[in-house]
Every structure is written in C-alpha cells, then in structure tokens.
Amino acid sequence: MDPGEIDPGVIELAQRVFGLARAGETEELAAYVDAGVPVNLTNEKGDTLLILAAYHGHPGTVAALLARGAEPDRANDRGQTALAAA
C-alpha cells in the first residue's frame, strides 16, 4: 500500500458508522464511538455523525452523540450545522 493510500478496511468502517448515523442505529453507533471512532468524524462533504443523525431525524442518536462530546456547532462544507440539518 502506498504511504498516502487509505486502508480499505478504514474506509469500510467509516462508511458503516456514517450509515449507522443516517439510520439512527444508536446503540451500535455509540458502541463504535465508545471503542474509539472519533465522535466528530467527517465524511467527504464535511458532514459529521451528528449532522447526519439530525438530518435524518434521529433524536436519540443525536442525544447519544452529544453525550459523547459531539460538537453541535461544527459546520459541514456548506456551512450547515446539526441544528440547521435538523
């Protein structure tokens, strides 16, 4: 693997946790965050797990991410925050 190349397993894990945020799978997502996945992880558009959970209408997931230190004021590449996405 080239030094600048991202491990495919890391990409797969990131896609999985973003999918969990979109789907509102609170317990599984919280377990990943508790195990070390950064709570403020962003995708290629700058969306955080919190933004995706809020946008897709999952208040329980939003609460769990906030309890784990998610930054509510963190904006994506379009300047939108979780509040704007809700």
N, C-alpha and C. Protein backbone atom coordinates (compact mmCIF):
# COMPACT_ATOMS: atom_id res chain seq x y z
N MET A 1 0.85 -1.17 0.00
CA MET A 1 0.00 0.00 0.00
C MET A 1 0.90 1.24 0.00
N ASP A 2 0.54 2.22 -0.82
CA ASP A 2 1.30 3.48 -0.88
C ASP A 2 1.11 4.26 0.41
N PRO A 3 2.11 5.06 0.79
CA PRO A 3 2.02 5.83 2.04
C PRO A 3 0.79 6.74 2.13
N GLY A 4 0.34 7.32 1.02
CA GLY A 4 -0.81 8.21 1.04
C GLY A 4 -2.15 7.51 0.86
N GLU A 5 -2.11 6.20 0.68
CA GLU A 5 -3.32 5.43 0.42
C GLU A 5 -4.01 5.05 1.73
N ILE A 6 -5.33 5.14 1.75
CA ILE A 6 -6.09 4.79 2.94
C ILE A 6 -6.45 3.31 2.88
N ASP A 7 -6.27 2.64 3.99
CA ASP A 7 -6.60 1.22 4.09
C ASP A 7 -8.08 1.01 3.77
N PRO A 8 -8.41 0.08 2.89
CA PRO A 8 -9.81 -0.18 2.54
C PRO A 8 -10.68 -0.54 3.75
N GLY A 9 -10.09 -1.17 4.75
CA GLY A 9 -10.84 -1.51 5.96
C GLY A 9 -11.27 -0.27 6.72
N VAL A 10 -10.44 0.75 6.71
CA VAL A 10 -10.77 2.01 7.38
C VAL A 10 -11.92 2.69 6.64
N ILE A 11 -11.86 2.68 5.32
CA ILE A 11 -12.93 3.27 4.51
C ILE A 11 -14.25 2.54 4.76
N GLU A 12 -14.19 1.22 4.81
CA GLU A 12 -15.39 0.42 5.05
C GLU A 12 -15.98 0.73 6.43
N LEU A 13 -15.13 0.85 7.44
CA LEU A 13 -15.60 1.18 8.78
C LEU A 13 -16.25 2.56 8.80
N ALA A 14 -15.62 3.54 8.16
CA ALA A 14 -16.18 4.88 8.12
C ALA A 14 -17.55 4.87 7.44
N GLN A 15 -17.67 4.17 6.32
CA GLN A 15 -18.96 4.08 5.64
C GLN A 15 -20.01 3.45 6.54
N ARG A 16 -19.59 2.45 7.29
CA ARG A 16 -20.52 1.77 8.20
C ARG A 16 -21.03 2.72 9.28
N VAL A 17 -20.13 3.47 9.92
CA VAL A 17 -20.59 4.34 11.01
C VAL A 17 -21.43 5.50 10.48
N PHE A 18 -21.11 6.01 9.30
CA PHE A 18 -21.96 7.06 8.72
C PHE A 18 -23.35 6.49 8.41
N GLY A 19 -23.41 5.25 7.93
CA GLY A 19 -24.69 4.60 7.68
C GLY A 19 -25.49 4.41 8.96
N LEU A 20 -24.81 4.07 10.05
CA LEU A 20 -25.48 3.91 11.34
C LEU A 20 -26.07 5.24 11.81
N ALA A 21 -25.35 6.33 11.60
CA ALA A 21 -25.86 7.65 11.98
C ALA A 21 -27.10 8.00 11.15
N ARG A 22 -27.05 7.74 9.85
CA ARG A 22 -28.20 8.02 8.98
C ARG A 22 -29.42 7.19 9.37
N ALA A 23 -29.19 5.95 9.77
CA ALA A 23 -30.28 5.02 10.08
C ALA A 23 -30.78 5.14 11.53
N GLY A 24 -30.08 5.90 12.35
CA GLY A 24 -30.48 6.04 13.75
C GLY A 24 -30.22 4.80 14.58
N GLU A 25 -29.20 4.06 14.23
CA GLU A 25 -28.81 2.85 14.98
C GLU A 25 -27.95 3.27 16.18
N THR A 26 -28.63 3.84 17.16
CA THR A 26 -27.96 4.50 18.28
C THR A 26 -27.01 3.59 19.05
N GLU A 27 -27.48 2.43 19.46
CA GLU A 27 -26.66 1.56 20.31
C GLU A 27 -25.39 1.11 19.59
N GLU A 28 -25.52 0.69 18.34
CA GLU A 28 -24.35 0.21 17.60
C GLU A 28 -23.38 1.36 17.32
N LEU A 29 -23.91 2.51 16.94
CA LEU A 29 -23.06 3.67 16.68
C LEU A 29 -22.34 4.10 17.96
N ALA A 30 -23.06 4.15 19.06
CA ALA A 30 -22.45 4.53 20.34
C ALA A 30 -21.34 3.55 20.72
N ALA A 31 -21.54 2.28 20.44
CA ALA A 31 -20.51 1.28 20.75
C ALA A 31 -19.24 1.55 19.94
N TYR A 32 -19.38 1.91 18.67
CA TYR A 32 -18.21 2.24 17.85
C TYR A 32 -17.49 3.48 18.41
N VAL A 33 -18.26 4.50 18.77
CA VAL A 33 -17.66 5.71 19.33
C VAL A 33 -16.97 5.39 20.65
N ASP A 34 -17.64 4.62 21.49
CA ASP A 34 -17.04 4.23 22.78
C ASP A 34 -15.76 3.42 22.59
N ALA A 35 -15.68 2.70 21.46
CA ALA A 35 -14.49 1.88 21.17
C ALA A 35 -13.37 2.67 20.51
N GLY A 36 -13.62 3.95 20.20
CA GLY A 36 -12.54 4.78 19.67
C GLY A 36 -12.78 5.49 18.35
N VAL A 37 -13.91 5.24 17.69
CA VAL A 37 -14.21 6.00 16.47
C VAL A 37 -14.43 7.45 16.89
N PRO A 38 -13.77 8.41 16.25
CA PRO A 38 -13.94 9.82 16.65
C PRO A 38 -15.39 10.28 16.52
N VAL A 39 -15.92 10.86 17.59
CA VAL A 39 -17.31 11.30 17.60
C VAL A 39 -17.55 12.42 16.59
N ASN A 40 -16.52 13.18 16.24
CA ASN A 40 -16.66 14.26 15.27
C ASN A 40 -16.09 13.89 13.89
N LEU A 41 -16.06 12.61 13.60
CA LEU A 41 -15.62 12.12 12.29
C LEU A 41 -16.45 12.79 11.19
N THR A 42 -15.78 13.20 10.10
CA THR A 42 -16.50 13.83 8.99
C THR A 42 -16.34 13.02 7.72
N ASN A 43 -17.34 13.12 6.85
CA ASN A 43 -17.25 12.47 5.54
C ASN A 43 -16.67 13.44 4.52
N GLU A 44 -16.70 13.05 3.26
CA GLU A 44 -16.10 13.86 2.19
C GLU A 44 -16.78 15.20 1.99
N LYS A 45 -17.99 15.38 2.55
CA LYS A 45 -18.72 16.64 2.44
C LYS A 45 -18.62 17.47 3.72
N GLY A 46 -17.87 16.95 4.69
CA GLY A 46 -17.73 17.64 5.96
C GLY A 46 -18.85 17.35 6.95
N ASP A 47 -19.77 16.44 6.57
CA ASP A 47 -20.86 16.09 7.47
C ASP A 47 -20.33 15.24 8.62
N THR A 48 -20.71 15.60 9.83
CA THR A 48 -20.35 14.80 11.00
C THR A 48 -21.43 13.75 11.24
N LEU A 49 -21.14 12.82 12.12
CA LEU A 49 -22.13 11.82 12.52
C LEU A 49 -23.36 12.53 13.09
N LEU A 50 -23.12 13.59 13.86
CA LEU A 50 -24.21 14.36 14.47
C LEU A 50 -25.08 15.02 13.41
N ILE A 51 -24.48 15.63 12.42
CA ILE A 51 -25.24 16.27 11.34
C ILE A 51 -26.12 15.24 10.64
N LEU A 52 -25.56 14.09 10.33
CA LEU A 52 -26.33 13.06 9.62
C LEU A 52 -27.48 12.53 10.47
N ALA A 53 -27.24 12.31 11.75
CA ALA A 53 -28.30 11.83 12.63
C ALA A 53 -29.41 12.88 12.75
N ALA A 54 -29.04 14.14 12.87
CA ALA A 54 -30.04 15.21 12.97
C ALA A 54 -30.83 15.35 11.67
N TYR A 55 -30.14 15.34 10.55
CA TYR A 55 -30.78 15.50 9.24
C TYR A 55 -31.80 14.39 8.99
N HIS A 56 -31.49 13.19 9.43
CA HIS A 56 -32.38 12.05 9.19
C HIS A 56 -33.39 11.83 10.32
N GLY A 57 -33.45 12.78 11.26
CA GLY A 57 -34.50 12.76 12.28
C GLY A 57 -34.37 11.72 13.37
N HIS A 58 -33.19 11.56 13.93
CA HIS A 58 -32.96 10.55 14.97
C HIS A 58 -32.52 11.22 16.28
N PRO A 59 -33.49 11.75 17.05
CA PRO A 59 -33.13 12.48 18.27
C PRO A 59 -32.38 11.64 19.30
N GLY A 60 -32.67 10.36 19.40
CA GLY A 60 -31.94 9.51 20.34
C GLY A 60 -30.48 9.37 19.97
N THR A 61 -30.21 9.27 18.68
CA THR A 61 -28.83 9.18 18.21
C THR A 61 -28.12 10.51 18.43
N VAL A 62 -28.83 11.61 18.16
CA VAL A 62 -28.27 12.94 18.40
C VAL A 62 -27.88 13.07 19.87
N ALA A 63 -28.78 12.69 20.76
CA ALA A 63 -28.51 12.80 22.20
C ALA A 63 -27.30 11.95 22.60
N ALA A 64 -27.21 10.75 22.06
CA ALA A 64 -26.09 9.87 22.40
C ALA A 64 -24.77 10.45 21.91
N LEU A 65 -24.77 11.03 20.73
CA LEU A 65 -23.53 11.63 20.19
C LEU A 65 -23.15 12.87 21.00
N LEU A 66 -24.13 13.70 21.35
CA LEU A 66 -23.84 14.88 22.17
C LEU A 66 -23.28 14.47 23.54
N ALA A 67 -23.83 13.42 24.12
CA ALA A 67 -23.35 12.93 25.42
C ALA A 67 -21.91 12.44 25.34
N ARG A 68 -21.48 12.08 24.14
CA ARG A 68 -20.11 11.59 23.93
C ARG A 68 -19.18 12.67 23.41
N GLY A 69 -19.64 13.92 23.42
CA GLY A 69 -18.77 15.03 23.08
C GLY A 69 -18.85 15.56 21.67
N ALA A 70 -19.88 15.17 20.91
CA ALA A 70 -20.02 15.70 19.55
C ALA A 70 -20.18 17.22 19.61
N GLU A 71 -19.57 17.90 18.66
CA GLU A 71 -19.61 19.36 18.62
C GLU A 71 -20.84 19.82 17.83
N PRO A 72 -21.85 20.40 18.52
CA PRO A 72 -23.07 20.79 17.83
C PRO A 72 -22.89 21.96 16.86
N ASP A 73 -21.87 22.77 17.07
CA ASP A 73 -21.65 23.94 16.21
C ASP A 73 -20.69 23.68 15.06
N ARG A 74 -20.22 22.47 14.93
CA ARG A 74 -19.30 22.14 13.84
C ARG A 74 -20.06 22.12 12.51
N ALA A 75 -19.57 22.87 11.54
CA ALA A 75 -20.26 23.01 10.26
C ALA A 75 -19.65 22.11 9.19
N ASN A 76 -20.49 21.72 8.23
CA ASN A 76 -20.00 20.94 7.09
C ASN A 76 -19.46 21.89 6.02
N ASP A 77 -19.14 21.36 4.86
CA ASP A 77 -18.53 22.17 3.79
C ASP A 77 -19.47 23.23 3.24
N ARG A 78 -20.78 23.10 3.51
CA ARG A 78 -21.76 24.10 3.06
C ARG A 78 -22.12 25.07 4.17
N GLY A 79 -21.43 24.98 5.29
CA GLY A 79 -21.68 25.87 6.41
C GLY A 79 -22.87 25.47 7.28
N GLN A 80 -23.39 24.27 7.09
CA GLN A 80 -24.54 23.80 7.86
C GLN A 80 -24.08 23.08 9.13
N THR A 81 -24.79 23.33 10.22
CA THR A 81 -24.53 22.64 11.48
C THR A 81 -25.62 21.60 11.70
N ALA A 82 -25.51 20.86 12.78
CA ALA A 82 -26.53 19.86 13.10
C ALA A 82 -27.89 20.52 13.31
N LEU A 83 -27.91 21.71 13.92
CA LEU A 83 -29.17 22.41 14.14
C LEU A 83 -29.82 22.78 12.81
N ALA A 84 -29.04 23.25 11.87
CA ALA A 84 -29.57 23.59 10.55
C ALA A 84 -30.04 22.35 9.82
N ALA A 85 -29.41 21.22 10.09
CA ALA A 85 -29.75 19.98 9.40
C ALA A 85 -31.00 19.33 9.98
N ALA A 86 -31.32 19.68 11.23
CA ALA A 86 -32.48 19.04 11.90
C ALA A 86 -33.80 19.44 11.28
